[in-house]
Amino acid sequence: MTDHTEATKKRLQEEAEAREKLRAARDATAVKPTPTQVENDLAASGVPVPEHEPDGSPTESGMQDKSTHTRHAEAKPAASQRGSYATRASTSE
């Protein structure tokens, strides 16, 4: 039973070290959240923030600007469907 206990303790220690290495590597990157806390504070105070600060992530040069290439369409009823149903004629006596 001591072999099992020792093996389990060793495995748990190795897993903890691996998690710590991953956390350290993730924290060492120069990427910051977008929007930043300063931008959130400005927006909460009513100041417009049209563009965000660069977050340090790699840019996607092949991406199109979605705001200029978005299509907006509004559904309109077909002309053949207008008035195609019968209504009761109102009679006043």
PDB file of N, CA and C in Angstrom:
ATOM      1  N   MET A   1       0.813  -1.194   0.000  1.00  0.00           N
ATOM      2  CA  MET A   1       0.000   0.000   0.000  1.00  0.00           C
ATOM      3  C   MET A   1       0.858   1.259   0.000  1.00  0.00           C
ATOM      4  N   THR A   2       2.017   1.217   0.534  1.00  0.00           N
ATOM      5  CA  THR A   2       2.890   2.384   0.534  1.00  0.00           C
ATOM      6  C   THR A   2       3.382   2.708  -0.861  1.00  0.00           C
ATOM      7  N   ASP A   3       3.561   1.678  -1.708  1.00  0.00           N
ATOM      8  CA  ASP A   3       3.966   1.937  -3.092  1.00  0.00           C
ATOM      9  C   ASP A   3       2.884   2.729  -3.820  1.00  0.00           C
ATOM     10  N   HIS A   4       1.636   2.336  -3.588  1.00  0.00           N
ATOM     11  CA  HIS A   4       0.512   3.043  -4.217  1.00  0.00           C
ATOM     12  C   HIS A   4       0.420   4.478  -3.702  1.00  0.00           C
ATOM     13  N   THR A   5       0.599   4.659  -2.413  1.00  0.00           N
ATOM     14  CA  THR A   5       0.533   5.997  -1.819  1.00  0.00           C
ATOM     15  C   THR A   5       1.647   6.878  -2.361  1.00  0.00           C
ATOM     16  N   GLU A   6       2.848   6.347  -2.421  1.00  0.00           N
ATOM     17  CA  GLU A   6       3.987   7.106  -2.930  1.00  0.00           C
ATOM     18  C   GLU A   6       3.796   7.451  -4.408  1.00  0.00           C
ATOM     19  N   ALA A   7       3.298   6.500  -5.194  1.00  0.00           N
ATOM     20  CA  ALA A   7       3.085   6.737  -6.630  1.00  0.00           C
ATOM     21  C   ALA A   7       2.012   7.811  -6.833  1.00  0.00           C
ATOM     22  N   THR A   8       0.969   7.769  -6.024  1.00  0.00           N
ATOM     23  CA  THR A   8      -0.099   8.762  -6.132  1.00  0.00           C
ATOM     24  C   THR A   8       0.415  10.144  -5.760  1.00  0.00           C
ATOM     25  N   LYS A   9       1.188  10.235  -4.682  1.00  0.00           N
ATOM     26  CA  LYS A   9       1.750  11.525  -4.272  1.00  0.00           C
ATOM     27  C   LYS A   9       2.672  12.083  -5.356  1.00  0.00           C
ATOM     28  N   LYS A  10       3.471  11.220  -5.966  1.00  0.00           N
ATOM     29  CA  LYS A  10       4.390  11.654  -7.015  1.00  0.00           C
ATOM     30  C   LYS A  10       3.605  12.147  -8.231  1.00  0.00           C
ATOM     31  N   ARG A  11       2.550  11.396  -8.625  1.00  0.00           N
ATOM     32  CA  ARG A  11       1.730  11.789  -9.775  1.00  0.00           C
ATOM     33  C   ARG A  11       1.045  13.130  -9.525  1.00  0.00           C
ATOM     34  N   LEU A  12       0.501  13.309  -8.332  1.00  0.00           N
ATOM     35  CA  LEU A  12      -0.173  14.566  -8.005  1.00  0.00           C
ATOM     36  C   LEU A  12       0.811  15.732  -8.005  1.00  0.00           C
ATOM     37  N   GLN A  13       2.027  15.511  -7.525  1.00  0.00           N
ATOM     38  CA  GLN A  13       3.050  16.555  -7.523  1.00  0.00           C
ATOM     39  C   GLN A  13       3.433  16.928  -8.949  1.00  0.00           C
ATOM     40  N   GLU A  14       3.584  15.924  -9.835  1.00  0.00           N
ATOM     41  CA  GLU A  14       3.924  16.196 -11.229  1.00  0.00           C
ATOM     42  C   GLU A  14       2.806  16.956 -11.938  1.00  0.00           C
ATOM     43  N   GLU A  15       1.549  16.591 -11.641  1.00  0.00           N
ATOM     44  CA  GLU A  15       0.418  17.294 -12.245  1.00  0.00           C
ATOM     45  C   GLU A  15       0.363  18.749 -11.772  1.00  0.00           C
ATOM     46  N   ALA A  16       0.646  18.977 -10.497  1.00  0.00           N
ATOM     47  CA  ALA A  16       0.646  20.339  -9.962  1.00  0.00           C
ATOM     48  C   ALA A  16       1.752  21.163 -10.611  1.00  0.00           C
ATOM     49  N   GLU A  17       2.916  20.576 -10.821  1.00  0.00           N
ATOM     50  CA  GLU A  17       4.012  21.287 -11.471  1.00  0.00           C
ATOM     51  C   GLU A  17       3.660  21.615 -12.924  1.00  0.00           C
ATOM     52  N   ALA A  18       3.008  20.680 -13.609  1.00  0.00           N
ATOM     53  CA  ALA A  18       2.615  20.919 -14.996  1.00  0.00           C
ATOM     54  C   ALA A  18       1.587  22.046 -15.071  1.00  0.00           C
ATOM     55  N   ARG A  19       0.623  22.072 -14.147  1.00  0.00           N
ATOM     56  CA  ARG A  19      -0.367  23.160 -14.114  1.00  0.00           C
ATOM     57  C   ARG A  19       0.298  24.496 -13.849  1.00  0.00           C
ATOM     58  N   GLU A  20       1.269  24.513 -12.967  1.00  0.00           N
ATOM     59  CA  GLU A  20       1.976  25.753 -12.642  1.00  0.00           C
ATOM     60  C   GLU A  20       2.770  26.261 -13.853  1.00  0.00           C
ATOM     61  N   LYS A  21       3.387  25.342 -14.601  1.00  0.00           N
ATOM     62  CA  LYS A  21       4.118  25.740 -15.804  1.00  0.00           C
ATOM     63  C   LYS A  21       3.171  26.336 -16.837  1.00  0.00           C
ATOM     64  N   LEU A  22       2.011  25.707 -17.027  1.00  0.00           N
ATOM     65  CA  LEU A  22       1.034  26.226 -17.984  1.00  0.00           C
ATOM     66  C   LEU A  22       0.523  27.600 -17.555  1.00  0.00           C
ATOM     67  N   ARG A  23       0.248  27.780 -16.278  1.00  0.00           N
ATOM     68  CA  ARG A  23      -0.229  29.062 -15.783  1.00  0.00           C
ATOM     69  C   ARG A  23       0.832  30.139 -15.960  1.00  0.00           C
ATOM     70  N   ALA A  24       2.081  29.816 -15.674  1.00  0.00           N
ATOM     71  CA  ALA A  24       3.168  30.779 -15.833  1.00  0.00           C
ATOM     72  C   ALA A  24       3.345  31.155 -17.310  1.00  0.00           C
ATOM     73  N   ALA A  25       3.232  30.181 -18.195  1.00  0.00           N
ATOM     74  CA  ALA A  25       3.373  30.472 -19.622  1.00  0.00           C
ATOM     75  C   ALA A  25       2.212  31.340 -20.109  1.00  0.00           C
ATOM     76  N   ARG A  26       1.016  31.067 -19.628  1.00  0.00           N
ATOM     77  CA  ARG A  26      -0.158  31.849 -20.037  1.00  0.00           C
ATOM     78  C   ARG A  26      -0.053  33.287 -19.514  1.00  0.00           C
ATOM     79  N   ASP A  27       0.410  33.446 -18.294  1.00  0.00           N
ATOM     80  CA  ASP A  27       0.535  34.785 -17.719  1.00  0.00           C
ATOM     81  C   ASP A  27       1.689  35.580 -18.321  1.00  0.00           C
ATOM     82  N   ALA A  28       2.658  34.906 -18.933  1.00  0.00           N
ATOM     83  CA  ALA A  28       3.817  35.593 -19.489  1.00  0.00           C
ATOM     84  C   ALA A  28       3.526  36.212 -20.854  1.00  0.00           C
ATOM     85  N   THR A  29       2.409  35.873 -21.470  1.00  0.00           N
ATOM     86  CA  THR A  29       2.106  36.427 -22.782  1.00  0.00           C
ATOM     87  C   THR A  29       1.735  37.898 -22.646  1.00  0.00           C
ATOM     88  N   ALA A  30       1.895  38.624 -23.741  1.00  0.00           N
ATOM     89  CA  ALA A  30       1.649  40.067 -23.724  1.00  0.00           C
ATOM     90  C   ALA A  30       0.227  40.404 -24.162  1.00  0.00           C
ATOM     91  N   VAL A  31      -0.682  39.441 -24.074  1.00  0.00           N
ATOM     92  CA  VAL A  31      -2.054  39.673 -24.494  1.00  0.00           C
ATOM     93  C   VAL A  31      -2.852  40.199 -23.309  1.00  0.00           C
ATOM     94  N   LYS A  32      -3.637  41.239 -23.559  1.00  0.00           N
ATOM     95  CA  LYS A  32      -4.490  41.791 -22.512  1.00  0.00           C
ATOM     96  C   LYS A  32      -5.937  41.748 -22.990  1.00  0.00           C
ATOM     97  N   PRO A  33      -6.879  41.803 -22.089  1.00  0.00           N
ATOM     98  CA  PRO A  33      -8.282  41.695 -22.500  1.00  0.00           C
ATOM     99  C   PRO A  33      -8.751  42.911 -23.281  1.00  0.00           C
ATOM    100  N   THR A  34      -9.686  42.673 -24.184  1.00  0.00           N
ATOM    101  CA  THR A  34     -10.314  43.759 -24.932  1.00  0.00           C
ATOM    102  C   THR A  34     -11.792  43.639 -24.711  1.00  0.00           C
ATOM    103  N   PRO A  35     -12.485  44.602 -24.241  1.00  0.00           N
ATOM    104  CA  PRO A  35     -12.005  45.915 -23.852  1.00  0.00           C
ATOM    105  C   PRO A  35     -11.273  45.867 -22.514  1.00  0.00           C
ATOM    106  N   THR A  36     -10.380  46.823 -22.328  1.00  0.00           N
ATOM    107  CA  THR A  36      -9.640  46.900 -21.076  1.00  0.00           C
ATOM    108  C   THR A  36     -10.529  47.496 -19.992  1.00  0.00           C
ATOM    109  N   GLN A  37     -10.062  47.424 -18.753  1.00  0.00           N
ATOM    110  CA  GLN A  37     -10.844  47.974 -17.655  1.00  0.00           C
ATOM    111  C   GLN A  37     -11.022  49.479 -17.813  1.00  0.00           C
ATOM    112  N   VAL A  38     -10.009  50.161 -18.324  1.00  0.00           N
ATOM    113  CA  VAL A  38     -10.113  51.608 -18.534  1.00  0.00           C
ATOM    114  C   VAL A  38     -11.208  51.905 -19.559  1.00  0.00           C
ATOM    115  N   GLU A  39     -11.244  51.127 -20.643  1.00  0.00           N
ATOM    116  CA  GLU A  39     -12.289  51.322 -21.649  1.00  0.00           C
ATOM    117  C   GLU A  39     -13.674  51.046 -21.069  1.00  0.00           C
ATOM    118  N   ASN A  40     -13.774  50.017 -20.227  1.00  0.00           N
ATOM    119  CA  ASN A  40     -15.056  49.733 -19.567  1.00  0.00           C
ATOM    120  C   ASN A  40     -15.474  50.887 -18.667  1.00  0.00           C
ATOM    121  N   ASP A  41     -14.527  51.448 -17.913  1.00  0.00           N
ATOM    122  CA  ASP A  41     -14.842  52.567 -17.021  1.00  0.00           C
ATOM    123  C   ASP A  41     -15.293  53.790 -17.817  1.00  0.00           C
ATOM    124  N   LEU A  42     -14.615  54.060 -18.930  1.00  0.00           N
ATOM    125  CA  LEU A  42     -15.007  55.193 -19.769  1.00  0.00           C
ATOM    126  C   LEU A  42     -16.419  54.990 -20.326  1.00  0.00           C
ATOM    127  N   ALA A  43     -16.697  53.790 -20.798  1.00  0.00           N
ATOM    128  CA  ALA A  43     -18.016  53.505 -21.358  1.00  0.00           C
ATOM    129  C   ALA A  43     -19.095  53.609 -20.283  1.00  0.00           C
ATOM    130  N   ALA A  44     -18.795  53.163 -19.080  1.00  0.00           N
ATOM    131  CA  ALA A  44     -19.759  53.247 -17.990  1.00  0.00           C
ATOM    132  C   ALA A  44     -20.026  54.696 -17.599  1.00  0.00           C
ATOM    133  N   SER A  45     -19.055  55.575 -17.837  1.00  0.00           N
ATOM    134  CA  SER A  45     -19.218  56.993 -17.513  1.00  0.00           C
ATOM    135  C   SER A  45     -19.883  57.758 -18.647  1.00  0.00           C
ATOM    136  N   GLY A  46     -20.181  57.078 -19.752  1.00  0.00           N
ATOM    137  CA  GLY A  46     -20.857  57.722 -20.870  1.00  0.00           C
ATOM    138  C   GLY A  46     -19.937  58.228 -21.956  1.00  0.00           C
ATOM    139  N   VAL A  47     -18.656  57.952 -21.849  1.00  0.00           N
ATOM    140  CA  VAL A  47     -17.699  58.394 -22.862  1.00  0.00           C
ATOM    141  C   VAL A  47     -17.681  57.355 -23.980  1.00  0.00           C
ATOM    142  N   PRO A  48     -17.911  57.770 -25.230  1.00  0.00           N
ATOM    143  CA  PRO A  48     -17.881  56.787 -26.318  1.00  0.00           C
ATOM    144  C   PRO A  48     -16.458  56.288 -26.578  1.00  0.00           C
ATOM    145  N   VAL A  49     -16.329  54.977 -26.790  1.00  0.00           N
ATOM    146  CA  VAL A  49     -15.033  54.366 -27.086  1.00  0.00           C
ATOM    147  C   VAL A  49     -15.170  53.679 -28.442  1.00  0.00           C
ATOM    148  N   PRO A  50     -14.917  54.429 -29.547  1.00  0.00           N
ATOM    149  CA  PRO A  50     -15.144  53.856 -30.874  1.00  0.00           C
ATOM    150  C   PRO A  50     -14.159  52.758 -31.244  1.00  0.00           C
ATOM    151  N   GLU A  51     -12.924  52.838 -30.759  1.00  0.00           N
ATOM    152  CA  GLU A  51     -11.923  51.833 -31.091  1.00  0.00           C
ATOM    153  C   GLU A  51     -11.253  51.363 -29.811  1.00  0.00           C
ATOM    154  N   HIS A  52     -10.961  50.069 -29.767  1.00  0.00           N
ATOM    155  CA  HIS A  52     -10.295  49.498 -28.600  1.00  0.00           C
ATOM    156  C   HIS A  52      -8.786  49.570 -28.766  1.00  0.00           C
ATOM    157  N   GLU A  53      -8.100  49.577 -27.624  1.00  0.00           N
ATOM    158  CA  GLU A  53      -6.644  49.512 -27.658  1.00  0.00           C
ATOM    159  C   GLU A  53      -6.251  48.144 -28.206  1.00  0.00           C
ATOM    160  N   PRO A  54      -5.119  48.025 -28.901  1.00  0.00           N
ATOM    161  CA  PRO A  54      -4.685  46.711 -29.381  1.00  0.00           C
ATOM    162  C   PRO A  54      -4.425  45.790 -28.186  1.00  0.00           C
ATOM    163  N   ASP A  55      -4.862  44.546 -28.304  1.00  0.00           N
ATOM    164  CA  ASP A  55      -4.723  43.624 -27.180  1.00  0.00           C
ATOM    165  C   ASP A  55      -3.466  42.767 -27.251  1.00  0.00           C
ATOM    166  N   GLY A  56      -2.665  42.932 -28.292  1.00  0.00           N
ATOM    167  CA  GLY A  56      -1.421  42.185 -28.399  1.00  0.00           C
ATOM    168  C   GLY A  56      -1.561  40.871 -29.138  1.00  0.00           C
ATOM    169  N   SER A  57      -2.765  40.514 -29.519  1.00  0.00           N
ATOM    170  CA  SER A  57      -2.949  39.262 -30.246  1.00  0.00           C
ATOM    171  C   SER A  57      -2.549  39.481 -31.708  1.00  0.00           C
ATOM    172  N   PRO A  58      -2.226  38.398 -32.415  1.00  0.00           N
ATOM    173  CA  PRO A  58      -1.847  38.552 -33.820  1.00  0.00           C
ATOM    174  C   PRO A  58      -3.018  39.090 -34.630  1.00  0.00           C
ATOM    175  N   THR A  59      -2.720  39.960 -35.571  1.00  0.00           N
ATOM    176  CA  THR A  59      -3.779  40.550 -36.386  1.00  0.00           C
ATOM    177  C   THR A  59      -4.189  39.571 -37.474  1.00  0.00           C
ATOM    178  N   GLU A  60      -5.422  39.668 -37.890  1.00  0.00           N
ATOM    179  CA  GLU A  60      -5.947  38.813 -38.952  1.00  0.00           C
ATOM    180  C   GLU A  60      -6.105  39.685 -40.189  1.00  0.00           C
ATOM    181  N   SER A  61      -5.063  39.748 -41.001  1.00  0.00           N
ATOM    182  CA  SER A  61      -5.057  40.653 -42.141  1.00  0.00           C
ATOM    183  C   SER A  61      -6.062  40.245 -43.210  1.00  0.00           C
ATOM    184  N   GLY A  62      -6.446  38.985 -43.266  1.00  0.00           N
ATOM    185  CA  GLY A  62      -7.371  38.535 -44.288  1.00  0.00           C
ATOM    186  C   GLY A  62      -8.828  38.803 -43.944  1.00  0.00           C
ATOM    187  N   MET A  63      -9.093  39.251 -42.738  1.00  0.00           N
ATOM    188  CA  MET A  63     -10.474  39.477 -42.322  1.00  0.00           C
ATOM    189  C   MET A  63     -10.985  40.782 -42.908  1.00  0.00           C
ATOM    190  N   GLN A  64     -12.239  40.769 -43.330  1.00  0.00           N
ATOM    191  CA  GLN A  64     -12.864  41.976 -43.851  1.00  0.00           C
ATOM    192  C   GLN A  64     -13.508  42.727 -42.694  1.00  0.00           C
ATOM    193  N   ASP A  65     -13.666  44.019 -42.885  1.00  0.00           N
ATOM    194  CA  ASP A  65     -14.345  44.832 -41.892  1.00  0.00           C
ATOM    195  C   ASP A  65     -15.834  44.507 -41.956  1.00  0.00           C
ATOM    196  N   LYS A  66     -16.344  43.869 -40.932  1.00  0.00           N
ATOM    197  CA  LYS A  66     -17.726  43.406 -40.957  1.00  0.00           C
ATOM    198  C   LYS A  66     -18.724  44.552 -40.961  1.00  0.00           C
ATOM    199  N   SER A  67     -18.349  45.680 -40.386  1.00  0.00           N
ATOM    200  CA  SER A  67     -19.307  46.781 -40.308  1.00  0.00           C
ATOM    201  C   SER A  67     -19.589  47.386 -41.680  1.00  0.00           C
ATOM    202  N   THR A  68     -18.661  47.268 -42.615  1.00  0.00           N
ATOM    203  CA  THR A  68     -18.888  47.852 -43.933  1.00  0.00           C
ATOM    204  C   THR A  68     -19.406  46.832 -44.946  1.00  0.00           C
ATOM    205  N   HIS A  69     -19.355  45.557 -44.615  1.00  0.00           N
ATOM    206  CA  HIS A  69     -19.762  44.533 -45.564  1.00  0.00           C
ATOM    207  C   HIS A  69     -20.993  43.755 -45.103  1.00  0.00           C
ATOM    208  N   THR A  70     -21.743  44.292 -44.187  1.00  0.00           N
ATOM    209  CA  THR A  70     -22.922  43.606 -43.690  1.00  0.00           C
ATOM    210  C   THR A  70     -24.131  43.994 -44.516  1.00  0.00           C
ATOM    211  N   ARG A  71     -24.908  43.010 -44.910  1.00  0.00           N
ATOM    212  CA  ARG A  71     -26.124  43.275 -45.668  1.00  0.00           C
ATOM    213  C   ARG A  71     -27.305  43.276 -44.713  1.00  0.00           C
ATOM    214  N   HIS A  72     -28.166  44.243 -44.875  1.00  0.00           N
ATOM    215  CA  HIS A  72     -29.383  44.324 -44.082  1.00  0.00           C
ATOM    216  C   HIS A  72     -30.562  44.212 -45.037  1.00  0.00           C
ATOM    217  N   ALA A  73     -31.454  43.308 -44.751  1.00  0.00           N
ATOM    218  CA  ALA A  73     -32.623  43.131 -45.597  1.00  0.00           C
ATOM    219  C   ALA A  73     -33.873  43.136 -44.718  1.00  0.00           C
ATOM    220  N   GLU A  74     -34.928  43.680 -45.249  1.00  0.00           N
ATOM    221  CA  GLU A  74     -36.190  43.707 -44.523  1.00  0.00           C
ATOM    222  C   GLU A  74     -37.204  42.918 -45.335  1.00  0.00           C
ATOM    223  N   ALA A  75     -37.897  42.022 -44.679  1.00  0.00           N
ATOM    224  CA  ALA A  75     -38.889  41.203 -45.376  1.00  0.00           C
ATOM    225  C   ALA A  75     -40.108  42.053 -45.715  1.00  0.00           C
ATOM    226  N   LYS A  76     -40.557  41.940 -46.929  1.00  0.00           N
ATOM    227  CA  LYS A  76     -41.746  42.666 -47.377  1.00  0.00           C
ATOM    228  C   LYS A  76     -42.728  41.647 -47.938  1.00  0.00           C
ATOM    229  N   PRO A  77     -44.010  41.813 -47.675  1.00  0.00           N
ATOM    230  CA  PRO A  77     -44.969  40.846 -48.202  1.00  0.00           C
ATOM    231  C   PRO A  77     -45.043  40.942 -49.728  1.00  0.00           C
ATOM    232  N   ALA A  78     -45.267  39.817 -50.342  1.00  0.00           N
ATOM    233  CA  ALA A  78     -45.371  39.784 -51.800  1.00  0.00           C
ATOM    234  C   ALA A  78     -46.633  40.506 -52.241  1.00  0.00           C
ATOM    235  N   ALA A  79     -46.576  41.167 -53.388  1.00  0.00           N
ATOM    236  CA  ALA A  79     -47.710  41.938 -53.888  1.00  0.00           C
ATOM    237  C   ALA A  79     -48.902  41.047 -54.177  1.00  0.00           C
ATOM    238  N   SER A  80     -48.644  39.811 -54.547  1.00  0.00           N
ATOM    239  CA  SER A  80     -49.747  38.906 -54.878  1.00  0.00           C
ATOM    240  C   SER A  80     -50.521  38.477 -53.636  1.00  0.00           C
ATOM    241  N   GLN A  81     -49.940  38.613 -52.461  1.00  0.00           N
ATOM    242  CA  GLN A  81     -50.617  38.195 -51.238  1.00  0.00           C
ATOM    243  C   GLN A  81     -51.467  39.303 -50.633  1.00  0.00           C
ATOM    244  N   ARG A  82     -51.283  40.517 -51.046  1.00  0.00           N
ATOM    245  CA  ARG A  82     -52.047  41.623 -50.467  1.00  0.00           C
ATOM    246  C   ARG A  82     -53.496  41.535 -50.921  1.00  0.00           C
ATOM    247  N   GLY A  83     -54.374  41.483 -49.998  1.00  0.00           N
ATOM    248  CA  GLY A  83     -55.794  41.467 -50.306  1.00  0.00           C
ATOM    249  C   GLY A  83     -56.257  40.196 -50.986  1.00  0.00           C
ATOM    250  N   SER A  84     -55.525  39.116 -50.822  1.00  0.00           N
ATOM    251  CA  SER A  84     -55.912  37.888 -51.493  1.00  0.00           C
ATOM    252  C   SER A  84     -56.913  37.069 -50.685  1.00  0.00           C
ATOM    253  N   TYR A  85     -57.314  37.555 -49.532  1.00  0.00           N
ATOM    254  CA  TYR A  85     -58.294  36.823 -48.741  1.00  0.00           C
ATOM    255  C   TYR A  85     -59.603  37.612 -48.696  1.00  0.00           C
ATOM    256  N   ALA A  86     -60.680  36.877 -48.535  1.00  0.00           N
ATOM    257  CA  ALA A  86     -61.999  37.501 -48.543  1.00  0.00           C
ATOM    258  C   ALA A  86     -62.362  37.981 -47.146  1.00  0.00           C
ATOM    259  N   THR A  87     -62.988  39.131 -47.067  1.00  0.00           N
ATOM    260  CA  THR A  87     -63.461  39.660 -45.783  1.00  0.00           C
ATOM    261  C   THR A  87     -64.967  39.775 -45.833  1.00  0.00           C
ATOM    262  N   ARG A  88     -65.589  39.791 -44.667  1.00  0.00           N
ATOM    263  CA  ARG A  88     -67.039  39.984 -44.631  1.00  0.00           C
ATOM    264  C   ARG A  88     -67.361  41.420 -44.902  1.00  0.00           C
ATOM    265  N   ALA A  89     -68.382  41.612 -45.659  1.00  0.00           N
ATOM    266  CA  ALA A  89     -68.844  42.975 -45.910  1.00  0.00           C
ATOM    267  C   ALA A  89     -69.660  43.421 -44.710  1.00  0.00           C
ATOM    268  N   SER A  90     -69.419  44.617 -44.265  1.00  0.00           N
ATOM    269  CA  SER A  90     -70.184  45.091 -43.120  1.00  0.00           C
ATOM    270  C   SER A  90     -71.481  45.725 -43.623  1.00  0.00           C
ATOM    271  N   THR A  91     -72.524  45.376 -42.978  1.00  0.00           N
ATOM    272  CA  THR A  91     -73.835  45.949 -43.337  1.00  0.00           C
ATOM    273  C   THR A  91     -74.399  46.658 -42.120  1.00  0.00           C
ATOM    274  N   SER A  92     -74.832  47.817 -42.296  1.00  0.00           N
ATOM    275  CA  SER A  92     -75.446  48.532 -41.183  1.00  0.00           C
ATOM    276  C   SER A  92     -76.925  48.732 -41.486  1.00  0.00           C
ATOM    277  N   GLU A  93     -77.735  48.341 -40.582  1.00  0.00           N
ATOM    278  CA  GLU A  93     -79.178  48.471 -40.782  1.00  0.00           C
ATOM    279  C   GLU A  93     -79.769  49.410 -39.791  1.00  0.00           C
TER     280      GLU A  93
END
